[in-house]
Each structure stands twice: as C-alpha cells, then as structure tokens.
Amino acid sequence: MNTKTFIKKYTMVIALVVVFIFFSMWTEGRLLYPQNLSNLLIQNAYVLVLACGMLMCILTGGNIDLSVGSTVCLVGAIAAQMLTKHNMDPLIVICLCLVFACLIGMWQGFWIGYIHIPPFICTLAGMFLFRGFGRAILDSKTIAIPQTEGSVGKRFLDIFASYIEVPGVDTADVKWSAFILGIIIAAALVVITVLNRIKKAKKGYKQASALSQFAKVIAIDFLVLAYTWKIAHYKGIPVMAIWVLAVVLIYAFITSKTAFGRYFYAVGGNEKATKLSGIDTKKVYFLAYTSMSLLAGLSGLLVAARVGSVNGDTGNSFEMDAIGSCFIGGASAYGGSGTVGGVVVGAILLGVINQGMSIKGLDNNWQYVVKGAVLLIAVIFDVVSNKKTGKAG
C-alpha cells in the first residue's frame, strides 16, 4: 500500500489523531484527565447508537431520518411518566419503550418502503409529530426521574448509568476490572487477527501483509489499554459503554458478515439492479427505518438515565449529530458505502471536538461553526473522491 492509498483509506483516523492531539495541547492536558475521557464516551453514547442506525438508512441511497431526535424525546417522555406517575418496573418500562420505538419505525418504514413517500418528507413530518406528542406527554414540563435508593427510578438509572465494580478486584483508588477488560480485549483482537489470517491462507484468499495488519492491531491495542488504564483511575467501566459496545458489535456483524447486511449496500449502489436480482427493496427500506427508530428508542432511555430527567427539548438536533458522524466517518452521501467502524471514528471525532471546546469554554456559537465546517469538509472529500472514481454524476 503506497502513501497516497494509505492516506485515502485512513483519512478520518488520521484526522481523529490530529484533532485529539490538538485539543489535548489546547486544553493543556485537561482532555486527558480520567474523568474527561470517561465522560467522552458517556456523553456521546447516544451519538454512537444513533449513528449505527443512521448508517443503515444512508446506505440505501444517501437517505436520512430526521425524526430520531423527536423519537428520543417521545420515548424518554413515556419512560419518565411510567417511572414517576405509574411506578412501573424498570425492565417492563424498557421493553415497552423499545417496542413502541419499533412501532414508530415500522410506521415510517411502511410509508417509505411500500408507499414510496420520500424519506426526507416522511421523517420531517415525523420530526414534528413525535416532538409534539413528547411535549404533550410531558405537559411542557421537565420530569425528573426519582433517584432515591430503592425506588424504581434508581433501579432504572442503575441499568444504564451506573459503573461496574468487581468486589475483591477493584479498590477505592483504582478500578482494576477496567484495565483487566482492556487486556482481554487487546488479547482477543490479536487472536482474532491470527485466526482470520490462517483461515484466509487456507482458502487461498488475498490478504494484506502481516506487518501492516499486525501494526494496525498493535496500534488499536495500545489505544484500548491506554483508555482502560485512564478510566480505571476514575470510576471504572460505565454500564453505558456495554450497551454501546453491544450495539456497535451487532451492527458491525450485520453489515460485514451477513447477506442481509449486504442488501443495504446493494440498494444504495443500484436499486434497479437489486430489484432485478430478486431482493425485496421495499423490505430493505422498511427494516432500515424500523432499525433506526429502535435505536432512537434505546438512545432515549440512555439519555434519560444519563441526564436524570426529560423535557420537551430532549433529543434536540440529535439527528444532526448522527448524520454528521456517518458522513465524517466515510459513509457516502450517495449511499452504497460506509462502515460501522468508520461511523464510530466519526462519532468519536465529533465527541473530541465537543469535549475539547467545552473544556476550553469556547462560545457555543463558535462550536456550531466548527462542527459545521468539519462536516462540510468531510462531505466535500466524499464527493470529490466519488467523482474521481466515477460514482458521482
């Protein structure tokens, strides 16, 4: 792999490293404090979750879902009312909220997939509808989730917003379980890489050189160990990280290892050819938006637990963060290309920018300017690259 190819393939990873170093220096090292690194994940958990679902919509042809922020508000409002007014069991609340979110996605997926309503118009209508319903349920008030010990609210918060502590391993100063998990993940990545190389070699598949592949794994392992070492000196592993990791791994598996996942790429690449090959494109659209709303529902629960309350502005502009993460992470504005790994890089890049600017106390107006500029640059890069490869008209 020559330098030009390497830079093009890992543009956003290189950008993430550069941005992280810049903000670490600009904040005089405060970005590297264990608490700030832990918060970097927790505060951007909803972005990572939403971006995985948004990727599925974008793959179908650059389509987006504008209603996800409103769905976050609506689901959060329903959960808050169930917990405070009706004192319902947290597990029942979570299940009902996810089912309701799924129904919202099925509703939108039906109009988009089977009636052929343009996704932009359908989800724009949803954005107003669900925000209005959410505010009506909240009665235009802020509802705080009870945090008293033993209450259903506290149990709900523990499911999403607590930290894992292993008796006999973790101490008051260092949560060793976090670093041990980092070691396990690092070792697992090496083992998986070795097994994949052996499997491909047996089948005679072409693969990257061992040097480049293991160099990449070692770099990832170093980051994993460094991050887990840092959070081990704060509160350890946040439960929210487990939820996020589960979503990322599931969607990474679906998009890269299943035939069903490849249907989304096929529809975005050439919908007419995909239809002729026998794939039900209506079902692909239906499932893309059902999946998106399901993850929006989960994000609503995550946000409600992290903040501890829900109001009419909860989830405001979340759809923009999710869309921005996808495009910054390399998803094509034309659909048909993009990876979950790239989306994660895009979400973390946005998170680092937000965190760094907040720590430095940069005016909120300028924060919007910076985020807009980053998104524009990413999309311009995508469009220019596509023209070079003949994908754009």
Protein backbone atom coordinates (compact mmCIF):
# COMPACT_ATOMS: atom_id res chain seq x y z
CA MET A 1 0.00 0.00 0.00
CA ASN A 2 1.54 3.29 -1.10
CA THR A 3 1.34 6.52 0.89
CA LYS A 4 -1.48 8.01 -1.21
CA THR A 5 -3.66 4.92 -0.82
CA PHE A 6 -2.91 4.73 2.90
CA ILE A 7 -3.88 8.37 3.47
CA LYS A 8 -7.10 7.99 1.48
CA LYS A 9 -8.08 4.80 3.32
CA TYR A 10 -7.36 6.13 6.80
CA THR A 11 -8.13 9.83 6.30
CA MET A 12 -10.60 10.08 9.18
CA VAL A 13 -8.46 8.01 11.55
CA ILE A 14 -5.53 10.34 10.85
CA ALA A 15 -7.86 13.32 11.32
CA LEU A 16 -9.05 11.90 14.66
CA VAL A 17 -5.46 11.51 15.90
CA VAL A 18 -4.55 15.04 14.80
CA VAL A 19 -7.69 16.55 16.37
CA PHE A 20 -7.16 14.63 19.61
CA ILE A 21 -3.53 15.78 19.89
CA PHE A 22 -4.55 19.37 19.07
CA PHE A 23 -7.28 19.53 21.73
CA SER A 24 -5.07 17.77 24.28
CA MET A 25 -2.49 20.52 23.82
CA TRP A 26 -5.07 23.33 23.56
CA THR A 27 -6.75 22.28 26.83
CA GLU A 28 -3.31 21.95 28.48
CA GLY A 29 -3.79 18.22 29.03
CA ARG A 30 -7.21 18.51 30.69
CA LEU A 31 -8.81 16.45 27.92
CA LEU A 32 -6.65 13.53 29.09
CA TYR A 33 -7.98 13.59 32.67
CA PRO A 34 -9.59 10.21 33.54
CA GLN A 35 -12.97 11.86 34.25
CA ASN A 36 -13.00 13.69 30.92
CA LEU A 37 -12.06 10.55 28.96
CA SER A 38 -14.81 8.62 30.74
CA ASN A 39 -17.31 11.39 30.02
CA LEU A 40 -16.21 11.42 26.39
CA LEU A 41 -17.84 8.01 25.97
CA ILE A 42 -20.85 8.57 28.22
CA GLN A 43 -21.81 11.94 26.76
CA ASN A 44 -21.55 10.61 23.21
CA ALA A 45 -23.17 7.22 23.79
CA TYR A 46 -26.38 8.37 22.12
CA VAL A 47 -24.41 9.52 19.04
CA LEU A 48 -22.71 6.14 18.64
CA VAL A 49 -26.02 4.28 18.97
CA LEU A 50 -27.98 6.59 16.64
CA ALA A 51 -25.17 6.65 14.07
CA CYS A 52 -25.27 2.86 13.67
CA GLY A 53 -28.95 3.05 12.76
CA MET A 54 -28.49 6.13 10.58
CA LEU A 55 -25.81 4.31 8.61
CA MET A 56 -28.38 1.71 7.52
CA CYS A 57 -30.63 4.48 6.17
CA ILE A 58 -27.76 6.27 4.41
CA LEU A 59 -26.56 3.05 2.79
CA THR A 60 -29.88 2.74 0.94
CA GLY A 61 -29.06 5.77 -1.20
CA GLY A 62 -27.98 8.67 0.98
CA ASN A 63 -31.35 8.71 2.77
CA ILE A 64 -31.61 10.06 6.32
CA ASP A 65 -34.07 10.01 9.23
CA LEU A 66 -34.85 13.50 10.57
CA SER A 67 -37.21 12.21 13.27
CA VAL A 68 -34.73 10.43 15.54
CA GLY A 69 -34.24 13.37 17.94
CA SER A 70 -38.01 13.67 18.36
CA THR A 71 -38.29 9.90 18.87
CA VAL A 72 -35.65 10.19 21.61
CA CYS A 73 -37.81 12.86 23.28
CA LEU A 74 -41.04 10.87 22.91
CA VAL A 75 -39.61 7.60 24.23
CA GLY A 76 -37.83 9.42 27.07
CA ALA A 77 -41.11 11.15 27.99
CA ILE A 78 -43.02 7.85 28.05
CA ALA A 79 -40.32 6.22 30.20
CA ALA A 80 -40.25 9.14 32.64
CA GLN A 81 -44.04 9.10 33.05
CA MET A 82 -44.14 5.34 33.53
CA LEU A 83 -41.46 5.53 36.22
CA THR A 84 -42.74 8.60 38.09
CA LYS A 85 -46.54 8.50 37.76
CA HIS A 86 -47.17 4.77 37.46
CA ASN A 87 -44.19 3.42 39.43
CA MET A 88 -43.68 0.64 36.87
CA ASP A 89 -40.86 -1.92 36.99
CA PRO A 90 -37.83 -0.61 35.06
CA LEU A 91 -37.48 -3.76 32.94
CA ILE A 92 -41.11 -3.54 31.84
CA VAL A 93 -40.63 0.17 31.07
CA ILE A 94 -37.55 -0.57 28.93
CA CYS A 95 -39.30 -3.35 27.00
CA LEU A 96 -42.44 -1.30 26.37
CA CYS A 97 -40.42 1.73 25.27
CA LEU A 98 -38.35 -0.32 22.81
CA VAL A 99 -41.50 -1.96 21.39
CA PHE A 100 -43.11 1.46 20.99
CA ALA A 101 -39.98 2.81 19.26
CA CYS A 102 -40.03 -0.19 16.95
CA LEU A 103 -43.66 0.53 16.05
CA ILE A 104 -42.72 4.11 15.17
CA GLY A 105 -40.04 2.75 12.84
CA MET A 106 -42.46 0.28 11.28
CA TRP A 107 -44.94 3.13 10.69
CA GLN A 108 -42.33 5.24 8.90
CA GLY A 109 -40.79 2.25 7.15
CA PHE A 110 -44.19 1.32 5.72
CA TRP A 111 -44.75 4.76 4.16
CA ILE A 112 -41.18 4.97 2.85
CA GLY A 113 -40.72 1.38 1.69
CA TYR A 114 -44.16 0.37 0.46
CA ILE A 115 -45.93 3.65 -0.40
CA HIS A 116 -42.73 5.33 -1.66
CA ILE A 117 -43.06 8.54 0.32
CA PRO A 118 -39.66 10.32 0.07
CA PRO A 119 -37.71 9.61 3.31
CA PHE A 120 -36.89 13.29 3.82
CA ILE A 121 -40.58 14.31 3.77
CA CYS A 122 -41.83 11.35 5.79
CA THR A 123 -39.26 11.74 8.57
CA LEU A 124 -39.61 15.54 8.56
CA ALA A 125 -43.31 15.02 9.31
CA GLY A 126 -42.29 12.52 11.99
CA MET A 127 -39.92 15.07 13.49
CA PHE A 128 -42.82 17.45 14.17
CA LEU A 129 -45.33 14.75 15.11
CA PHE A 130 -43.21 12.92 17.67
CA ARG A 131 -41.81 16.10 19.21
CA GLY A 132 -45.36 17.36 19.66
CA PHE A 133 -46.53 14.08 21.21
CA GLY A 134 -43.49 14.06 23.51
CA ARG A 135 -44.18 17.58 24.77
CA ALA A 136 -47.87 16.76 25.23
CA ILE A 137 -47.00 13.71 27.35
CA LEU A 138 -44.62 15.85 29.42
CA ASP A 139 -47.27 18.59 29.63
CA SER A 140 -44.48 21.02 28.64
CA LYS A 141 -42.70 20.32 31.92
CA THR A 142 -39.39 18.77 32.93
CA ILE A 143 -39.90 15.41 34.60
CA ALA A 144 -37.10 14.23 36.89
CA ILE A 145 -36.57 10.52 37.39
CA PRO A 146 -36.54 9.66 41.15
CA GLN A 147 -33.07 8.80 42.42
CA THR A 148 -33.86 7.76 45.98
CA GLU A 149 -32.34 4.44 46.99
CA GLY A 150 -34.66 1.50 46.29
CA SER A 151 -37.01 3.45 44.03
CA VAL A 152 -37.90 2.25 40.52
CA GLY A 153 -36.22 5.37 39.18
CA LYS A 154 -32.93 4.48 40.86
CA ARG A 155 -33.10 0.93 39.52
CA PHE A 156 -33.73 2.32 36.03
CA LEU A 157 -30.72 4.64 36.32
CA ASP A 158 -28.54 1.74 37.53
CA ILE A 159 -29.37 -0.27 34.40
CA PHE A 160 -27.93 2.44 32.17
CA ALA A 161 -25.90 4.99 34.12
CA SER A 162 -24.04 3.07 36.85
CA TYR A 163 -20.46 1.77 36.88
CA ILE A 164 -19.28 -1.83 37.10
CA GLU A 165 -17.40 -2.68 40.28
CA VAL A 166 -15.93 -6.13 40.94
CA PRO A 167 -15.54 -6.92 44.68
CA GLY A 168 -12.04 -8.08 45.59
CA VAL A 169 -10.56 -6.69 42.38
CA ASP A 170 -11.44 -3.01 42.40
CA THR A 171 -10.16 -0.64 45.08
CA ALA A 172 -11.19 2.86 46.04
CA ASP A 173 -8.29 4.32 44.03
CA VAL A 174 -8.09 2.01 41.02
CA LYS A 175 -10.85 0.01 39.34
CA TRP A 176 -8.60 -2.80 38.12
CA SER A 177 -11.51 -4.57 36.42
CA ALA A 178 -11.50 -1.86 33.73
CA PHE A 179 -7.84 -2.40 32.89
CA ILE A 180 -8.21 -6.20 33.01
CA LEU A 181 -11.06 -5.90 30.50
CA GLY A 182 -8.75 -3.80 28.31
CA ILE A 183 -6.11 -6.55 28.41
CA ILE A 184 -8.72 -9.17 27.47
CA ILE A 185 -9.96 -7.08 24.53
CA ALA A 186 -6.41 -6.42 23.34
CA ALA A 187 -5.52 -10.12 23.50
CA ALA A 188 -8.79 -11.08 21.75
CA LEU A 189 -8.02 -8.71 18.85
CA VAL A 190 -4.62 -10.36 18.32
CA VAL A 191 -6.12 -13.87 18.45
CA ILE A 192 -8.93 -12.95 16.02
CA THR A 193 -6.42 -11.43 13.60
CA VAL A 194 -4.21 -14.54 13.68
CA LEU A 195 -7.18 -16.90 13.19
CA ASN A 196 -8.53 -14.80 10.30
CA ARG A 197 -5.15 -14.85 8.56
CA ILE A 198 -4.88 -18.63 8.97
CA LYS A 199 -8.44 -19.09 7.63
CA LYS A 200 -7.81 -16.88 4.58
CA ALA A 201 -4.44 -18.53 3.90
CA LYS A 202 -6.05 -21.98 3.86
CA LYS A 203 -8.66 -20.81 1.35
CA GLY A 204 -6.06 -19.03 -0.76
CA TYR A 205 -7.61 -15.57 -0.33
CA LYS A 206 -5.54 -12.48 -0.98
CA GLN A 207 -4.82 -10.52 2.21
CA ALA A 208 -2.83 -7.58 3.49
CA SER A 209 0.75 -8.11 4.59
CA ALA A 210 1.25 -9.47 8.10
CA LEU A 211 3.33 -6.40 9.01
CA SER A 212 0.63 -3.86 8.12
CA GLN A 213 -2.17 -5.91 9.67
CA PHE A 214 -0.41 -6.52 12.98
CA ALA A 215 0.82 -2.93 13.12
CA LYS A 216 -2.81 -1.84 12.91
CA VAL A 217 -3.85 -4.29 15.65
CA ILE A 218 -0.99 -3.20 17.92
CA ALA A 219 -2.00 0.45 17.47
CA ILE A 220 -5.62 -0.36 18.39
CA ASP A 221 -4.48 -2.46 21.37
CA PHE A 222 -2.35 0.42 22.62
CA LEU A 223 -5.33 2.79 22.49
CA VAL A 224 -7.60 0.26 24.24
CA LEU A 225 -5.07 -0.29 27.04
CA ALA A 226 -4.38 3.43 27.43
CA TYR A 227 -8.09 4.26 27.60
CA THR A 228 -8.98 1.49 30.07
CA TRP A 229 -5.98 2.44 32.23
CA LYS A 230 -7.27 6.01 32.37
CA ILE A 231 -10.89 5.15 33.23
CA ALA A 232 -9.64 2.64 35.81
CA HIS A 233 -8.43 5.70 37.75
CA TYR A 234 -11.89 7.28 37.72
CA LYS A 235 -14.95 5.07 38.31
CA GLY A 236 -14.14 2.13 36.06
CA ILE A 237 -16.33 0.73 33.30
CA PRO A 238 -19.61 2.59 32.76
CA VAL A 239 -22.57 0.28 32.11
CA MET A 240 -23.49 2.60 29.25
CA ALA A 241 -20.30 1.50 27.48
CA ILE A 242 -21.58 -2.10 27.50
CA TRP A 243 -24.82 -1.02 25.81
CA VAL A 244 -22.92 0.98 23.19
CA LEU A 245 -20.43 -1.82 22.57
CA ALA A 246 -23.25 -4.34 22.10
CA VAL A 247 -24.99 -2.14 19.50
CA VAL A 248 -21.74 -1.44 17.63
CA LEU A 249 -20.72 -5.10 17.51
CA ILE A 250 -24.19 -6.27 16.40
CA TYR A 251 -24.38 -3.75 13.58
CA ALA A 252 -20.77 -4.34 12.55
CA PHE A 253 -21.57 -8.05 12.28
CA ILE A 254 -24.79 -7.43 10.32
CA THR A 255 -23.18 -5.07 7.79
CA SER A 256 -19.99 -7.04 7.23
CA LYS A 257 -20.79 -10.70 7.84
CA THR A 258 -24.37 -11.29 6.69
CA ALA A 259 -26.01 -11.44 3.27
CA PHE A 260 -28.90 -9.40 4.66
CA GLY A 261 -26.50 -6.61 5.61
CA ARG A 262 -25.14 -6.52 2.05
CA TYR A 263 -28.66 -5.82 0.75
CA PHE A 264 -28.44 -2.29 2.14
CA TYR A 265 -25.24 -1.68 0.17
CA ALA A 266 -26.81 -3.19 -2.94
CA VAL A 267 -29.87 -0.94 -2.76
CA GLY A 268 -27.67 2.13 -2.37
CA GLY A 269 -25.36 1.03 -5.16
CA ASN A 270 -28.05 0.31 -7.76
CA GLU A 271 -31.64 -0.13 -6.65
CA LYS A 272 -32.99 -1.23 -10.03
CA ALA A 273 -30.35 -3.93 -10.44
CA THR A 274 -31.00 -5.05 -6.85
CA LYS A 275 -34.72 -5.47 -7.65
CA LEU A 276 -33.93 -7.48 -10.76
CA SER A 277 -31.70 -9.79 -8.71
CA GLY A 278 -34.72 -10.79 -6.63
CA ILE A 279 -34.08 -8.75 -3.47
CA ASP A 280 -37.16 -7.14 -1.92
CA THR A 281 -36.02 -3.50 -1.78
CA LYS A 282 -39.26 -2.43 -0.08
CA LYS A 283 -38.41 -4.68 2.84
CA VAL A 284 -34.86 -3.27 2.99
CA TYR A 285 -36.22 0.29 3.36
CA PHE A 286 -38.81 -0.90 5.89
CA LEU A 287 -36.20 -2.61 8.06
CA ALA A 288 -33.72 0.28 7.78
CA TYR A 289 -36.19 2.74 9.31
CA THR A 290 -37.54 0.22 11.83
CA SER A 291 -33.98 -0.37 12.99
CA MET A 292 -33.31 3.37 13.16
CA SER A 293 -36.30 4.06 15.39
CA LEU A 294 -35.49 1.10 17.64
CA LEU A 295 -32.04 2.56 18.28
CA ALA A 296 -33.57 6.01 18.76
CA GLY A 297 -35.74 4.48 21.46
CA LEU A 298 -32.69 2.98 23.14
CA SER A 299 -30.95 6.35 22.90
CA GLY A 300 -33.97 7.96 24.56
CA LEU A 301 -33.53 5.63 27.53
CA LEU A 302 -29.76 6.22 27.66
CA VAL A 303 -30.18 10.00 27.61
CA ALA A 304 -32.96 9.94 30.22
CA ALA A 305 -30.73 7.86 32.51
CA ARG A 306 -27.62 9.99 31.96
CA VAL A 307 -29.34 13.34 32.49
CA GLY A 308 -31.80 12.07 35.10
CA SER A 309 -34.70 14.00 33.61
CA VAL A 310 -36.65 14.55 30.36
CA ASN A 311 -38.08 17.76 28.89
CA GLY A 312 -39.52 18.99 25.60
CA ASP A 313 -36.07 19.81 24.21
CA THR A 314 -34.53 16.40 24.95
CA GLY A 315 -33.01 14.97 21.78
CA ASN A 316 -32.95 18.34 20.02
CA SER A 317 -30.64 18.16 16.94
CA PHE A 318 -29.54 14.59 17.81
CA GLU A 319 -30.31 13.59 14.23
CA MET A 320 -27.69 16.07 13.04
CA ASP A 321 -25.02 14.52 15.29
CA ALA A 322 -25.87 11.05 13.96
CA ILE A 323 -25.87 12.18 10.32
CA GLY A 324 -22.66 14.13 10.83
CA SER A 325 -20.94 11.11 12.41
CA CYS A 326 -21.85 8.94 9.42
CA PHE A 327 -20.60 11.35 6.77
CA ILE A 328 -17.48 12.30 8.72
CA GLY A 329 -16.84 8.58 9.22
CA GLY A 330 -16.75 7.94 5.49
CA ALA A 331 -20.34 6.97 4.60
CA SER A 332 -21.05 8.11 1.06
CA ALA A 333 -23.56 10.91 0.51
CA TYR A 334 -24.82 8.83 -2.43
CA GLY A 335 -25.31 5.64 -0.40
CA GLY A 336 -23.88 2.20 -1.03
CA SER A 337 -20.70 2.61 1.03
CA GLY A 338 -19.76 3.13 4.65
CA THR A 339 -18.81 1.01 7.65
CA VAL A 340 -19.73 0.84 11.32
CA GLY A 341 -16.05 1.25 12.18
CA GLY A 342 -15.92 4.46 10.17
CA VAL A 343 -19.09 5.73 11.86
CA VAL A 344 -17.54 5.07 15.29
CA VAL A 345 -14.46 7.08 14.27
CA GLY A 346 -16.73 9.90 13.06
CA ALA A 347 -18.73 9.92 16.30
CA ILE A 348 -15.59 9.94 18.45
CA LEU A 349 -14.11 12.73 16.31
CA LEU A 350 -17.21 14.88 16.87
CA GLY A 351 -17.14 13.94 20.57
CA VAL A 352 -13.50 15.01 20.95
CA ILE A 353 -14.27 18.33 19.25
CA ASN A 354 -17.29 18.93 21.50
CA GLN A 355 -15.43 17.90 24.65
CA GLY A 356 -12.34 19.94 23.82
CA MET A 357 -14.33 23.08 23.04
CA SER A 358 -16.43 22.69 26.19
CA ILE A 359 -13.35 22.23 28.41
CA LYS A 360 -11.78 25.32 26.85
CA GLY A 361 -15.02 27.26 27.32
CA LEU A 362 -15.39 28.21 23.67
CA ASP A 363 -18.55 30.20 22.91
CA ASN A 364 -21.45 27.92 21.93
CA ASN A 365 -21.97 29.82 18.67
CA TRP A 366 -18.43 29.05 17.53
CA GLN A 367 -18.91 25.40 18.48
CA TYR A 368 -21.62 25.18 15.82
CA VAL A 369 -19.31 26.84 13.30
CA VAL A 370 -16.53 24.32 13.95
CA LYS A 371 -18.86 21.30 13.72
CA GLY A 372 -20.42 22.62 10.52
CA ALA A 373 -17.01 23.20 8.95
CA VAL A 374 -15.84 19.67 9.85
CA LEU A 375 -18.99 18.13 8.32
CA LEU A 376 -18.68 20.22 5.14
CA ILE A 377 -15.03 19.21 4.67
CA ALA A 378 -15.93 15.53 5.13
CA VAL A 379 -18.74 15.66 2.55
CA ILE A 380 -16.61 17.62 0.06
CA PHE A 381 -13.91 14.96 0.41
CA ASP A 382 -16.51 12.24 -0.25
CA VAL A 383 -17.95 13.98 -3.32
CA VAL A 384 -14.52 14.72 -4.83
CA SER A 385 -13.41 11.12 -4.21
CA ASN A 386 -16.57 9.75 -5.85
CA LYS A 387 -16.06 11.90 -8.94
CA LYS A 388 -12.56 10.57 -9.25
CA THR A 389 -13.87 7.00 -9.20
CA GLY A 390 -16.83 7.76 -11.44
CA LYS A 391 -19.50 7.22 -8.79
CA ALA A 392 -20.90 10.72 -8.90
CA GLY A 393 -22.68 12.23 -11.82
